[in-house]
Amino acid sequence: MVLVFVRSDCPISNRYAPEIARLAERFTARGMAFRLVYPDPSEPPRRSRATSATSATDAGAARPEHHAVALAGATVTPEAAVFRAGRMVYRGRIDDSWTGFGEGRPEPSSRDLEDVLEAIAAGRDTPPRTTPAVGCFIADLR
């Protein structure tokens, strides 16, 4: 299960829409479930560019799922969490395109989420790990 935390008003989330769609299409075909999680209960999922980028993620859009934020420990959007056999094996950035808010690279040098998903698809061991994600902060809605 791959959870990707997104917001339609986060420019970094919106810029990742094509990459999220590409990963969802590629790995859904390999038996992995993708779900976009909207941590803000006022967020209408259909408005998000990340959601409208692909029907694969449209089907998995959910809101509000602040319990998923707590479960994964997500702090920003976009941020991904990958669960395998009931345990979280990855939480963090999609790739390293963003080095800081407003500071990006033309091309990523590391595709962290894709690497984890490739390892799972190949049946390799995936020890838990995290990477720092850059994006819009998720508000504490408790």
C-alpha atoms as a PDB file:
ATOM      1  CA  MET A   1       0.000   0.000   0.000  1.00  0.00           C
ATOM      2  CA  VAL A   2       1.378   3.377  -1.020  1.00  0.00           C
ATOM      3  CA  LEU A   3      -0.077   6.489   0.613  1.00  0.00           C
ATOM      4  CA  VAL A   4       0.782   9.833  -0.946  1.00  0.00           C
ATOM      5  CA  PHE A   5      -0.194  12.863   1.128  1.00  0.00           C
ATOM      6  CA  VAL A   6      -1.244  15.788  -1.094  1.00  0.00           C
ATOM      7  CA  ARG A   7      -2.967  19.183  -1.106  1.00  0.00           C
ATOM      8  CA  SER A   8      -4.343  21.040  -4.110  1.00  0.00           C
ATOM      9  CA  ASP A   9      -3.053  24.352  -2.739  1.00  0.00           C
ATOM     10  CA  CYS A  10       0.535  23.101  -2.375  1.00  0.00           C
ATOM     11  CA  PRO A  11       2.616  24.004  -5.434  1.00  0.00           C
ATOM     12  CA  ILE A  12       5.085  21.201  -4.793  1.00  0.00           C
ATOM     13  CA  SER A  13       2.277  18.609  -4.590  1.00  0.00           C
ATOM     14  CA  ASN A  14       0.904  19.933  -7.863  1.00  0.00           C
ATOM     15  CA  ARG A  15       4.270  19.752  -9.595  1.00  0.00           C
ATOM     16  CA  TYR A  16       4.561  16.107  -8.595  1.00  0.00           C
ATOM     17  CA  ALA A  17       1.197  15.193 -10.169  1.00  0.00           C
ATOM     18  CA  PRO A  18       2.722  13.684 -13.337  1.00  0.00           C
ATOM     19  CA  GLU A  19       5.290  11.697 -11.341  1.00  0.00           C
ATOM     20  CA  ILE A  20       2.652  10.407  -8.908  1.00  0.00           C
ATOM     21  CA  ALA A  21       0.516   9.380 -11.897  1.00  0.00           C
ATOM     22  CA  ARG A  22       3.463   7.623 -13.563  1.00  0.00           C
ATOM     23  CA  LEU A  23       4.341   5.688 -10.405  1.00  0.00           C
ATOM     24  CA  ALA A  24       0.709   4.775  -9.727  1.00  0.00           C
ATOM     25  CA  GLU A  25       0.217   3.447 -13.243  1.00  0.00           C
ATOM     26  CA  ARG A  26       3.474   1.526 -13.250  1.00  0.00           C
ATOM     27  CA  PHE A  27       3.190  -0.088  -9.820  1.00  0.00           C
ATOM     28  CA  THR A  28      -0.578  -0.602  -9.695  1.00  0.00           C
ATOM     29  CA  ALA A  29      -0.041  -2.878 -12.684  1.00  0.00           C
ATOM     30  CA  ARG A  30       2.422  -4.795 -10.486  1.00  0.00           C
ATOM     31  CA  GLY A  31      -0.086  -5.355  -7.680  1.00  0.00           C
ATOM     32  CA  MET A  32       0.505  -2.326  -5.467  1.00  0.00           C
ATOM     33  CA  ALA A  33      -2.325  -0.130  -4.211  1.00  0.00           C
ATOM     34  CA  PHE A  34      -1.947   3.654  -4.377  1.00  0.00           C
ATOM     35  CA  ARG A  35      -4.029   6.104  -2.395  1.00  0.00           C
ATOM     36  CA  LEU A  36      -3.871   9.874  -2.305  1.00  0.00           C
ATOM     37  CA  VAL A  37      -4.561  11.146   1.194  1.00  0.00           C
ATOM     38  CA  TYR A  38      -5.893  14.648   1.765  1.00  0.00           C
ATOM     39  CA  PRO A  39      -5.063  15.634   5.353  1.00  0.00           C
ATOM     40  CA  ASP A  40      -7.267  18.745   5.241  1.00  0.00           C
ATOM     41  CA  PRO A  41     -10.966  17.854   5.629  1.00  0.00           C
ATOM     42  CA  SER A  42     -11.982  20.929   3.601  1.00  0.00           C
ATOM     43  CA  GLU A  43      -9.971  19.722   0.587  1.00  0.00           C
ATOM     44  CA  PRO A  44     -12.191  18.592  -2.285  1.00  0.00           C
ATOM     45  CA  PRO A  45     -10.229  15.673  -3.833  1.00  0.00           C
ATOM     46  CA  ARG A  46     -11.434  16.188  -7.387  1.00  0.00           C
ATOM     47  CA  ARG A  47      -9.893  19.699  -7.468  1.00  0.00           C
ATOM     48  CA  SER A  48      -6.353  18.464  -6.914  1.00  0.00           C
ATOM     49  CA  ARG A  49      -4.134  18.314  -9.981  1.00  0.00           C
ATOM     50  CA  ALA A  50      -2.429  15.325  -8.399  1.00  0.00           C
ATOM     51  CA  THR A  51      -5.763  13.501  -8.316  1.00  0.00           C
ATOM     52  CA  SER A  52      -6.913  14.495 -11.781  1.00  0.00           C
ATOM     53  CA  ALA A  53      -3.583  13.440 -13.278  1.00  0.00           C
ATOM     54  CA  THR A  54      -4.602   9.797 -13.344  1.00  0.00           C
ATOM     55  CA  SER A  55      -7.644   7.616 -12.946  1.00  0.00           C
ATOM     56  CA  ALA A  56      -5.509   5.173 -10.933  1.00  0.00           C
ATOM     57  CA  THR A  57      -5.121   7.734  -8.182  1.00  0.00           C
ATOM     58  CA  ASP A  58      -8.656   9.116  -8.646  1.00  0.00           C
ATOM     59  CA  ALA A  59     -10.008   5.753  -7.527  1.00  0.00           C
ATOM     60  CA  GLY A  60      -7.848   5.846  -4.425  1.00  0.00           C
ATOM     61  CA  ALA A  61      -8.460   9.415  -3.281  1.00  0.00           C
ATOM     62  CA  ALA A  62      -9.489   9.690   0.337  1.00  0.00           C
ATOM     63  CA  ARG A  63     -10.327  12.503   2.702  1.00  0.00           C
ATOM     64  CA  PRO A  64     -10.131  13.345   5.463  1.00  0.00           C
ATOM     65  CA  GLU A  65      -7.714  10.791   6.737  1.00  0.00           C
ATOM     66  CA  HIS A  66      -5.815  12.553   9.470  1.00  0.00           C
ATOM     67  CA  HIS A  67      -5.485   9.189  11.225  1.00  0.00           C
ATOM     68  CA  ALA A  68      -3.359   8.129   8.220  1.00  0.00           C
ATOM     69  CA  VAL A  69      -1.163  11.179   8.828  1.00  0.00           C
ATOM     70  CA  ALA A  70      -0.591  10.051  12.400  1.00  0.00           C
ATOM     71  CA  LEU A  71      -0.059   6.424  11.393  1.00  0.00           C
ATOM     72  CA  ALA A  72       2.580   7.344   8.810  1.00  0.00           C
ATOM     73  CA  GLY A  73       4.058  10.292  10.678  1.00  0.00           C
ATOM     74  CA  ALA A  74       3.645  12.472   7.589  1.00  0.00           C
ATOM     75  CA  THR A  75       4.482  16.137   8.103  1.00  0.00           C
ATOM     76  CA  VAL A  76       4.343  17.717   4.638  1.00  0.00           C
ATOM     77  CA  THR A  77       2.684  17.378   1.243  1.00  0.00           C
ATOM     78  CA  PRO A  78       3.747  15.701  -0.896  1.00  0.00           C
ATOM     79  CA  GLU A  79       5.092  12.890   1.215  1.00  0.00           C
ATOM     80  CA  ALA A  80       4.806   9.147   0.644  1.00  0.00           C
ATOM     81  CA  ALA A  81       4.448   6.224   3.032  1.00  0.00           C
ATOM     82  CA  VAL A  82       4.818   2.628   1.900  1.00  0.00           C
ATOM     83  CA  PHE A  83       3.446  -0.280   3.906  1.00  0.00           C
ATOM     84  CA  ARG A  84       4.407  -3.893   3.291  1.00  0.00           C
ATOM     85  CA  ALA A  85       2.965  -6.818   5.232  1.00  0.00           C
ATOM     86  CA  GLY A  86       1.441  -4.466   7.792  1.00  0.00           C
ATOM     87  CA  ARG A  87       4.587  -2.452   8.552  1.00  0.00           C
ATOM     88  CA  MET A  88       5.816   0.832   7.219  1.00  0.00           C
ATOM     89  CA  VAL A  89       8.970   0.336   5.170  1.00  0.00           C
ATOM     90  CA  TYR A  90       9.358   3.848   3.784  1.00  0.00           C
ATOM     91  CA  ARG A  91       8.297   7.396   4.589  1.00  0.00           C
ATOM     92  CA  GLY A  92       9.550  10.479   2.849  1.00  0.00           C
ATOM     93  CA  ARG A  93      10.093  12.287  -0.399  1.00  0.00           C
ATOM     94  CA  ILE A  94       9.124  11.035  -3.813  1.00  0.00           C
ATOM     95  CA  ASP A  95      12.535  12.051  -5.125  1.00  0.00           C
ATOM     96  CA  ASP A  96      15.144  14.710  -4.409  1.00  0.00           C
ATOM     97  CA  SER A  97      13.925  17.273  -6.946  1.00  0.00           C
ATOM     98  CA  TRP A  98      13.272  19.742  -4.129  1.00  0.00           C
ATOM     99  CA  THR A  99      16.118  20.691  -1.808  1.00  0.00           C
ATOM    100  CA  GLY A 100      14.110  23.321   0.047  1.00  0.00           C
ATOM    101  CA  PHE A 101      10.828  25.186  -0.301  1.00  0.00           C
ATOM    102  CA  GLY A 102      11.171  27.033  -3.607  1.00  0.00           C
ATOM    103  CA  GLU A 103      14.539  25.415  -4.299  1.00  0.00           C
ATOM    104  CA  GLY A 104      14.440  22.727  -6.938  1.00  0.00           C
ATOM    105  CA  ARG A 105      16.648  20.862  -9.390  1.00  0.00           C
ATOM    106  CA  PRO A 106      15.964  20.344 -13.094  1.00  0.00           C
ATOM    107  CA  GLU A 107      16.188  16.548 -12.645  1.00  0.00           C
ATOM    108  CA  PRO A 108      16.253  14.370  -9.525  1.00  0.00           C
ATOM    109  CA  SER A 109      19.447  12.531  -8.711  1.00  0.00           C
ATOM    110  CA  SER A 110      17.629  10.080  -6.424  1.00  0.00           C
ATOM    111  CA  ARG A 111      14.196   8.529  -6.993  1.00  0.00           C
ATOM    112  CA  ASP A 112      13.619   7.280  -3.461  1.00  0.00           C
ATOM    113  CA  LEU A 113       9.987   6.164  -3.702  1.00  0.00           C
ATOM    114  CA  GLU A 114      10.490   4.413  -7.023  1.00  0.00           C
ATOM    115  CA  ASP A 115      13.566   2.602  -5.685  1.00  0.00           C
ATOM    116  CA  VAL A 116      11.595   1.245  -2.710  1.00  0.00           C
ATOM    117  CA  LEU A 117       8.730   0.148  -4.940  1.00  0.00           C
ATOM    118  CA  GLU A 118      11.153  -1.574  -7.340  1.00  0.00           C
ATOM    119  CA  ALA A 119      12.696  -3.468  -4.431  1.00  0.00           C
ATOM    120  CA  ILE A 120       9.271  -4.623  -3.251  1.00  0.00           C
ATOM    121  CA  ALA A 121       8.217  -5.632  -6.772  1.00  0.00           C
ATOM    122  CA  ALA A 122      11.430  -7.655  -7.124  1.00  0.00           C
ATOM    123  CA  GLY A 123      10.796  -9.390  -3.788  1.00  0.00           C
ATOM    124  CA  ARG A 124      13.887  -7.911  -2.137  1.00  0.00           C
ATOM    125  CA  ASP A 125      14.074  -7.121   1.555  1.00  0.00           C
ATOM    126  CA  THR A 126      13.054  -3.551   2.346  1.00  0.00           C
ATOM    127  CA  PRO A 127      14.335  -2.455   5.739  1.00  0.00           C
ATOM    128  CA  PRO A 128      12.475   0.567   7.114  1.00  0.00           C
ATOM    129  CA  ARG A 129      13.891   3.934   6.116  1.00  0.00           C
ATOM    130  CA  THR A 130      12.944   7.579   5.886  1.00  0.00           C
ATOM    131  CA  THR A 131      14.051  10.498   3.766  1.00  0.00           C
ATOM    132  CA  PRO A 132      13.382  14.195   4.347  1.00  0.00           C
ATOM    133  CA  ALA A 133      10.414  15.476   2.359  1.00  0.00           C
ATOM    134  CA  VAL A 134      10.066  19.091   1.257  1.00  0.00           C
ATOM    135  CA  GLY A 135       6.647  20.645   0.845  1.00  0.00           C
ATOM    136  CA  CYS A 136       3.704  22.305   2.544  1.00  0.00           C
ATOM    137  CA  PHE A 137       3.246  21.542   6.244  1.00  0.00           C
ATOM    138  CA  ILE A 138       0.326  19.415   7.343  1.00  0.00           C
ATOM    139  CA  ALA A 139      -1.638  21.217  10.043  1.00  0.00           C
ATOM    140  CA  ASP A 140      -2.481  19.394  13.260  1.00  0.00           C
ATOM    141  CA  LEU A 141      -6.278  19.050  13.011  1.00  0.00           C
ATOM    142  CA  ARG A 142      -6.937  17.363  16.346  1.00  0.00           C
END
